Amino acid sequence: MSEATIRIEGMTCGGCVNAVKRVLSKAPGVTVKDVTIGLAVVSFDPLSTSIDALKASIANAGFRAVEATVA
C-alpha cells in the first residue's frame, strides 16, 4: 500500500468533505484516512488504482485535485 496526500481546490464546507470522502471510498483499493477542506489523505493499492484515477474521481465530484504527494 502507498499513501497519498492530495491537495484539492474548490472545497468550502462539510458537504464538500463528505462528497470527496464518498468518491474516494468507492475507488478500488483505496482506504480514506482523512479528508478536510482542501486536503485528502488516502492509502491505496497501486495495482488497483492510480493517482490519476483518484484525481479523476475528485474531478467527477466537482473539485480540482491540484497536487498529490505519494509516500
PDB file of N, CA and C in Angstrom:
ATOM      1  N   MET A   1       0.837  -1.182   0.000  1.00  0.00           N
ATOM      2  CA  MET A   1       0.000   0.000   0.000  1.00  0.00           C
ATOM      3  C   MET A   1       0.881   1.245   0.000  1.00  0.00           C
ATOM      4  N   SER A   2       0.429   2.240  -0.726  1.00  0.00           N
ATOM      5  CA  SER A   2       1.081   3.547  -0.755  1.00  0.00           C
ATOM      6  C   SER A   2       0.153   4.546  -0.090  1.00  0.00           C
ATOM      7  N   GLU A   3       0.721   5.652   0.362  1.00  0.00           N
ATOM      8  CA  GLU A   3      -0.096   6.702   0.948  1.00  0.00           C
ATOM      9  C   GLU A   3       0.053   7.955   0.100  1.00  0.00           C
ATOM     10  N   ALA A   4      -1.074   8.620  -0.159  1.00  0.00           N
ATOM     11  CA  ALA A   4      -1.057   9.843  -0.948  1.00  0.00           C
ATOM     12  C   ALA A   4      -1.744  10.961  -0.179  1.00  0.00           C
ATOM     13  N   THR A   5      -1.165  12.147  -0.282  1.00  0.00           N
ATOM     14  CA  THR A   5      -1.785  13.356   0.227  1.00  0.00           C
ATOM     15  C   THR A   5      -2.137  14.188  -0.997  1.00  0.00           C
ATOM     16  N   ILE A   6      -3.413  14.497  -1.145  1.00  0.00           N
ATOM     17  CA  ILE A   6      -3.903  15.185  -2.347  1.00  0.00           C
ATOM     18  C   ILE A   6      -4.453  16.544  -1.946  1.00  0.00           C
ATOM     19  N   ARG A   7      -3.899  17.595  -2.539  1.00  0.00           N
ATOM     20  CA  ARG A   7      -4.409  18.945  -2.293  1.00  0.00           C
ATOM     21  C   ARG A   7      -5.541  19.210  -3.275  1.00  0.00           C
ATOM     22  N   ILE A   8      -6.660  19.720  -2.762  1.00  0.00           N
ATOM     23  CA  ILE A   8      -7.883  19.860  -3.552  1.00  0.00           C
ATOM     24  C   ILE A   8      -8.388  21.294  -3.476  1.00  0.00           C
ATOM     25  N   GLU A   9      -8.723  21.858  -4.616  1.00  0.00           N
ATOM     26  CA  GLU A   9      -9.302  23.194  -4.677  1.00  0.00           C
ATOM     27  C   GLU A   9     -10.807  23.098  -4.872  1.00  0.00           C
ATOM     28  N   GLY A  10     -11.526  24.103  -4.353  1.00  0.00           N
ATOM     29  CA  GLY A  10     -12.966  24.188  -4.561  1.00  0.00           C
ATOM     30  C   GLY A  10     -13.804  23.683  -3.405  1.00  0.00           C
ATOM     31  N   MET A  11     -13.164  23.146  -2.376  1.00  0.00           N
ATOM     32  CA  MET A  11     -13.898  22.661  -1.211  1.00  0.00           C
ATOM     33  C   MET A  11     -14.125  23.829  -0.255  1.00  0.00           C
ATOM     34  N   THR A  12     -15.373  23.973   0.242  1.00  0.00           N
ATOM     35  CA  THR A  12     -15.679  25.098   1.118  1.00  0.00           C
ATOM     36  C   THR A  12     -16.454  24.717   2.374  1.00  0.00           C
ATOM     37  N   CYS A  13     -16.898  23.462   2.488  1.00  0.00           N
ATOM     38  CA  CYS A  13     -17.770  23.128   3.618  1.00  0.00           C
ATOM     39  C   CYS A  13     -17.718  21.632   3.925  1.00  0.00           C
ATOM     40  N   GLY A  14     -18.455  21.258   4.963  1.00  0.00           N
ATOM     41  CA  GLY A  14     -18.535  19.853   5.346  1.00  0.00           C
ATOM     42  C   GLY A  14     -19.167  18.977   4.280  1.00  0.00           C
ATOM     43  N   GLY A  15     -20.089  19.541   3.506  1.00  0.00           N
ATOM     44  CA  GLY A  15     -20.687  18.781   2.409  1.00  0.00           C
ATOM     45  C   GLY A  15     -19.654  18.428   1.354  1.00  0.00           C
ATOM     46  N   CYS A  16     -18.735  19.353   1.115  1.00  0.00           N
ATOM     47  CA  CYS A  16     -17.639  19.093   0.165  1.00  0.00           C
ATOM     48  C   CYS A  16     -16.752  17.962   0.680  1.00  0.00           C
ATOM     49  N   VAL A  17     -16.440  18.010   1.967  1.00  0.00           N
ATOM     50  CA  VAL A  17     -15.620  16.972   2.589  1.00  0.00           C
ATOM     51  C   VAL A  17     -16.306  15.615   2.427  1.00  0.00           C
ATOM     52  N   ASN A  18     -17.601  15.559   2.703  1.00  0.00           N
ATOM     53  CA  ASN A  18     -18.337  14.300   2.565  1.00  0.00           C
ATOM     54  C   ASN A  18     -18.373  13.807   1.127  1.00  0.00           C
ATOM     55  N   ALA A  19     -18.519  14.720   0.169  1.00  0.00           N
ATOM     56  CA  ALA A  19     -18.543  14.326  -1.244  1.00  0.00           C
ATOM     57  C   ALA A  19     -17.211  13.710  -1.658  1.00  0.00           C
ATOM     58  N   VAL A  20     -16.108  14.313  -1.236  1.00  0.00           N
ATOM     59  CA  VAL A  20     -14.783  13.778  -1.577  1.00  0.00           C
ATOM     60  C   VAL A  20     -14.570  12.428  -0.894  1.00  0.00           C
ATOM     61  N   LYS A  21     -14.939  12.309   0.370  1.00  0.00           N
ATOM     62  CA  LYS A  21     -14.822  11.022   1.071  1.00  0.00           C
ATOM     63  C   LYS A  21     -15.583   9.939   0.319  1.00  0.00           C
ATOM     64  N   ARG A  22     -16.794  10.284  -0.112  1.00  0.00           N
ATOM     65  CA  ARG A  22     -17.653   9.312  -0.787  1.00  0.00           C
ATOM     66  C   ARG A  22     -17.022   8.798  -2.082  1.00  0.00           C
ATOM     67  N   VAL A  23     -16.534   9.709  -2.930  1.00  0.00           N
ATOM     68  CA  VAL A  23     -15.985   9.251  -4.211  1.00  0.00           C
ATOM     69  C   VAL A  23     -14.675   8.498  -4.025  1.00  0.00           C
ATOM     70  N   LEU A  24     -13.844   8.942  -3.085  1.00  0.00           N
ATOM     71  CA  LEU A  24     -12.578   8.233  -2.874  1.00  0.00           C
ATOM     72  C   LEU A  24     -12.794   6.862  -2.259  1.00  0.00           C
ATOM     73  N   SER A  25     -13.765   6.736  -1.371  1.00  0.00           N
ATOM     74  CA  SER A  25     -14.010   5.433  -0.737  1.00  0.00           C
ATOM     75  C   SER A  25     -14.560   4.410  -1.716  1.00  0.00           C
ATOM     76  N   LYS A  26     -15.126   4.871  -2.832  1.00  0.00           N
ATOM     77  CA  LYS A  26     -15.643   3.953  -3.854  1.00  0.00           C
ATOM     78  C   LYS A  26     -14.554   3.466  -4.810  1.00  0.00           C
ATOM     79  N   ALA A  27     -13.401   4.115  -4.810  1.00  0.00           N
ATOM     80  CA  ALA A  27     -12.315   3.718  -5.710  1.00  0.00           C
ATOM     81  C   ALA A  27     -11.738   2.379  -5.253  1.00  0.00           C
ATOM     82  N   PRO A  28     -11.427   1.498  -6.196  1.00  0.00           N
ATOM     83  CA  PRO A  28     -10.895   0.177  -5.833  1.00  0.00           C
ATOM     84  C   PRO A  28      -9.527   0.296  -5.163  1.00  0.00           C
ATOM     85  N   GLY A  29      -9.338  -0.441  -4.071  1.00  0.00           N
ATOM     86  CA  GLY A  29      -8.045  -0.486  -3.397  1.00  0.00           C
ATOM     87  C   GLY A  29      -7.707   0.745  -2.583  1.00  0.00           C
ATOM     88  N   VAL A  30      -8.710   1.575  -2.261  1.00  0.00           N
ATOM     89  CA  VAL A  30      -8.458   2.828  -1.543  1.00  0.00           C
ATOM     90  C   VAL A  30      -9.053   2.772  -0.144  1.00  0.00           C
ATOM     91  N   THR A  31      -8.291   3.232   0.836  1.00  0.00           N
ATOM     92  CA  THR A  31      -8.765   3.451   2.192  1.00  0.00           C
ATOM     93  C   THR A  31      -8.580   4.930   2.495  1.00  0.00           C
ATOM     94  N   VAL A  32      -9.678   5.599   2.801  1.00  0.00           N
ATOM     95  CA  VAL A  32      -9.625   7.028   3.109  1.00  0.00           C
ATOM     96  C   VAL A  32      -9.173   7.178   4.555  1.00  0.00           C
ATOM     97  N   LYS A  33      -8.066   7.883   4.752  1.00  0.00           N
ATOM     98  CA  LYS A  33      -7.554   8.113   6.108  1.00  0.00           C
ATOM     99  C   LYS A  33      -8.110   9.401   6.696  1.00  0.00           C
ATOM    100  N   ASP A  34      -8.134  10.485   5.896  1.00  0.00           N
ATOM    101  CA  ASP A  34      -8.608  11.768   6.402  1.00  0.00           C
ATOM    102  C   ASP A  34      -8.956  12.665   5.218  1.00  0.00           C
ATOM    103  N   VAL A  35     -10.039  13.400   5.372  1.00  0.00           N
ATOM    104  CA  VAL A  35     -10.400  14.427   4.394  1.00  0.00           C
ATOM    105  C   VAL A  35     -10.793  15.669   5.171  1.00  0.00           C
ATOM    106  N   THR A  36     -10.160  16.779   4.839  1.00  0.00           N
ATOM    107  CA  THR A  36     -10.514  18.072   5.403  1.00  0.00           C
ATOM    108  C   THR A  36     -10.688  19.029   4.228  1.00  0.00           C
ATOM    109  N   ILE A  37     -11.154  20.221   4.503  1.00  0.00           N
ATOM    110  CA  ILE A  37     -11.308  21.194   3.422  1.00  0.00           C
ATOM    111  C   ILE A  37      -9.947  21.437   2.789  1.00  0.00           C
ATOM    112  N   GLY A  38      -9.833  21.081   1.519  1.00  0.00           N
ATOM    113  CA  GLY A  38      -8.607  21.306   0.758  1.00  0.00           C
ATOM    114  C   GLY A  38      -7.590  20.194   0.769  1.00  0.00           C
ATOM    115  N   LEU A  39      -7.859  19.090   1.463  1.00  0.00           N
ATOM    116  CA  LEU A  39      -6.841  18.047   1.576  1.00  0.00           C
ATOM    117  C   LEU A  39      -7.464  16.678   1.814  1.00  0.00           C
ATOM    118  N   ALA A  40      -6.923  15.671   1.140  1.00  0.00           N
ATOM    119  CA  ALA A  40      -7.326  14.287   1.372  1.00  0.00           C
ATOM    120  C   ALA A  40      -6.080  13.436   1.550  1.00  0.00           C
ATOM    121  N   VAL A  41      -6.136  12.522   2.505  1.00  0.00           N
ATOM    122  CA  VAL A  41      -5.055  11.570   2.730  1.00  0.00           C
ATOM    123  C   VAL A  41      -5.653  10.178   2.593  1.00  0.00           C
ATOM    124  N   VAL A  42      -5.069   9.382   1.696  1.00  0.00           N
ATOM    125  CA  VAL A  42      -5.578   8.039   1.438  1.00  0.00           C
ATOM    126  C   VAL A  42      -4.439   7.036   1.378  1.00  0.00           C
ATOM    127  N   SER A  43      -4.750   5.793   1.685  1.00  0.00           N
ATOM    128  CA  SER A  43      -3.871   4.666   1.384  1.00  0.00           C
ATOM    129  C   SER A  43      -4.467   4.001   0.155  1.00  0.00           C
ATOM    130  N   PHE A  44      -3.601   3.566  -0.756  1.00  0.00           N
ATOM    131  CA  PHE A  44      -4.133   2.923  -1.956  1.00  0.00           C
ATOM    132  C   PHE A  44      -3.179   1.857  -2.467  1.00  0.00           C
ATOM    133  N   ASP A  45      -3.761   0.889  -3.146  1.00  0.00           N
ATOM    134  CA  ASP A  45      -3.005  -0.181  -3.781  1.00  0.00           C
ATOM    135  C   ASP A  45      -2.701   0.258  -5.212  1.00  0.00           C
ATOM    136  N   PRO A  46      -1.426   0.512  -5.534  1.00  0.00           N
ATOM    137  CA  PRO A  46      -1.088   0.974  -6.886  1.00  0.00           C
ATOM    138  C   PRO A  46      -1.425  -0.030  -7.994  1.00  0.00           C
ATOM    139  N   LEU A  47      -1.684  -1.279  -7.620  1.00  0.00           N
ATOM    140  CA  LEU A  47      -2.084  -2.264  -8.616  1.00  0.00           C
ATOM    141  C   LEU A  47      -3.572  -2.167  -8.933  1.00  0.00           C
ATOM    142  N   SER A  48      -4.345  -1.515  -8.052  1.00  0.00           N
ATOM    143  CA  SER A  48      -5.786  -1.391  -8.233  1.00  0.00           C
ATOM    144  C   SER A  48      -6.221  -0.035  -8.768  1.00  0.00           C
ATOM    145  N   THR A  49      -5.454   1.002  -8.462  1.00  0.00           N
ATOM    146  CA  THR A  49      -5.816   2.352  -8.889  1.00  0.00           C
ATOM    147  C   THR A  49      -4.555   3.198  -9.019  1.00  0.00           C
ATOM    148  N   SER A  50      -4.722   4.405  -9.518  1.00  0.00           N
ATOM    149  CA  SER A  50      -3.585   5.310  -9.704  1.00  0.00           C
ATOM    150  C   SER A  50      -3.944   6.694  -9.176  1.00  0.00           C
ATOM    151  N   ILE A  51      -2.943   7.524  -9.028  1.00  0.00           N
ATOM    152  CA  ILE A  51      -3.179   8.912  -8.622  1.00  0.00           C
ATOM    153  C   ILE A  51      -4.059   9.605  -9.651  1.00  0.00           C
ATOM    154  N   ASP A  52      -3.820   9.358 -10.928  1.00  0.00           N
ATOM    155  CA  ASP A  52      -4.650   9.982 -11.970  1.00  0.00           C
ATOM    156  C   ASP A  52      -6.112   9.563 -11.839  1.00  0.00           C
ATOM    157  N   ALA A  53      -6.356   8.307 -11.503  1.00  0.00           N
ATOM    158  CA  ALA A  53      -7.737   7.844 -11.314  1.00  0.00           C
ATOM    159  C   ALA A  53      -8.372   8.502 -10.096  1.00  0.00           C
ATOM    160  N   LEU A  54      -7.596   8.683  -9.041  1.00  0.00           N
ATOM    161  CA  LEU A  54      -8.118   9.355  -7.852  1.00  0.00           C
ATOM    162  C   LEU A  54      -8.430  10.818  -8.161  1.00  0.00           C
ATOM    163  N   LYS A  55      -7.555  11.468  -8.906  1.00  0.00           N
ATOM    164  CA  LYS A  55      -7.802  12.854  -9.309  1.00  0.00           C
ATOM    165  C   LYS A  55      -9.057  12.950 -10.171  1.00  0.00           C
ATOM    166  N   ALA A  56      -9.259  11.981 -11.052  1.00  0.00           N
ATOM    167  CA  ALA A  56     -10.461  11.972 -11.901  1.00  0.00           C
ATOM    168  C   ALA A  56     -11.719  11.797 -11.054  1.00  0.00           C
ATOM    169  N   SER A  57     -11.661  10.947 -10.033  1.00  0.00           N
ATOM    170  CA  SER A  57     -12.803  10.772  -9.137  1.00  0.00           C
ATOM    171  C   SER A  57     -13.132  12.074  -8.423  1.00  0.00           C
ATOM    172  N   ILE A  58     -12.107  12.774  -7.974  1.00  0.00           N
ATOM    173  CA  ILE A  58     -12.304  14.062  -7.301  1.00  0.00           C
ATOM    174  C   ILE A  58     -12.905  15.068  -8.272  1.00  0.00           C
ATOM    175  N   ALA A  59     -12.426  15.073  -9.508  1.00  0.00           N
ATOM    176  CA  ALA A  59     -12.974  15.982 -10.528  1.00  0.00           C
ATOM    177  C   ALA A  59     -14.443  15.667 -10.801  1.00  0.00           C
ATOM    178  N   ASN A  60     -14.798  14.389 -10.829  1.00  0.00           N
ATOM    179  CA  ASN A  60     -16.188  13.998 -11.058  1.00  0.00           C
ATOM    180  C   ASN A  60     -17.106  14.461  -9.930  1.00  0.00           C
ATOM    181  N   ALA A  61     -16.522  14.685  -8.749  1.00  0.00           N
ATOM    182  CA  ALA A  61     -17.300  15.187  -7.614  1.00  0.00           C
ATOM    183  C   ALA A  61     -17.404  16.716  -7.646  1.00  0.00           C
ATOM    184  N   GLY A  62     -16.734  17.347  -8.630  1.00  0.00           N
ATOM    185  CA  GLY A  62     -16.849  18.790  -8.788  1.00  0.00           C
ATOM    186  C   GLY A  62     -15.718  19.604  -8.203  1.00  0.00           C
ATOM    187  N   PHE A  63     -14.609  18.946  -7.895  1.00  0.00           N
ATOM    188  CA  PHE A  63     -13.472  19.634  -7.295  1.00  0.00           C
ATOM    189  C   PHE A  63     -12.227  19.424  -8.146  1.00  0.00           C
ATOM    190  N   ARG A  64     -11.154  20.142  -7.820  1.00  0.00           N
ATOM    191  CA  ARG A  64      -9.930  20.052  -8.618  1.00  0.00           C
ATOM    192  C   ARG A  64      -8.770  19.595  -7.739  1.00  0.00           C
ATOM    193  N   ALA A  65      -8.248  18.411  -8.036  1.00  0.00           N
ATOM    194  CA  ALA A  65      -7.064  17.911  -7.353  1.00  0.00           C
ATOM    195  C   ALA A  65      -5.856  18.541  -8.026  1.00  0.00           C
ATOM    196  N   VAL A  66      -5.134  19.375  -7.290  1.00  0.00           N
ATOM    197  CA  VAL A  66      -4.067  20.158  -7.905  1.00  0.00           C
ATOM    198  C   VAL A  66      -2.682  19.592  -7.667  1.00  0.00           C
ATOM    199  N   GLU A  67      -2.533  18.806  -6.621  1.00  0.00           N
ATOM    200  CA  GLU A  67      -1.207  18.276  -6.316  1.00  0.00           C
ATOM    201  C   GLU A  67      -1.357  17.010  -5.481  1.00  0.00           C
ATOM    202  N   ALA A  68      -0.531  16.027  -5.757  1.00  0.00           N
ATOM    203  CA  ALA A  68      -0.554  14.799  -4.967  1.00  0.00           C
ATOM    204  C   ALA A  68       0.875  14.402  -4.613  1.00  0.00           C
ATOM    205  N   THR A  69       1.071  14.071  -3.367  1.00  0.00           N
ATOM    206  CA  THR A  69       2.364  13.605  -2.892  1.00  0.00           C
ATOM    207  C   THR A  69       2.190  12.160  -2.440  1.00  0.00           C
ATOM    208  N   VAL A  70       3.016  11.288  -2.983  1.00  0.00           N
ATOM    209  CA  VAL A  70       2.922   9.863  -2.648  1.00  0.00           C
ATOM    210  C   VAL A  70       4.099   9.482  -1.770  1.00  0.00           C
ATOM    211  N   ALA A  71       3.793   8.789  -0.693  1.00  0.00           N
ATOM    212  CA  ALA A  71       4.851   8.319   0.218  1.00  0.00           C
ATOM    213  C   ALA A  71       4.953   6.816   0.159  1.00  0.00           C
TER     214      ALA A  71
END
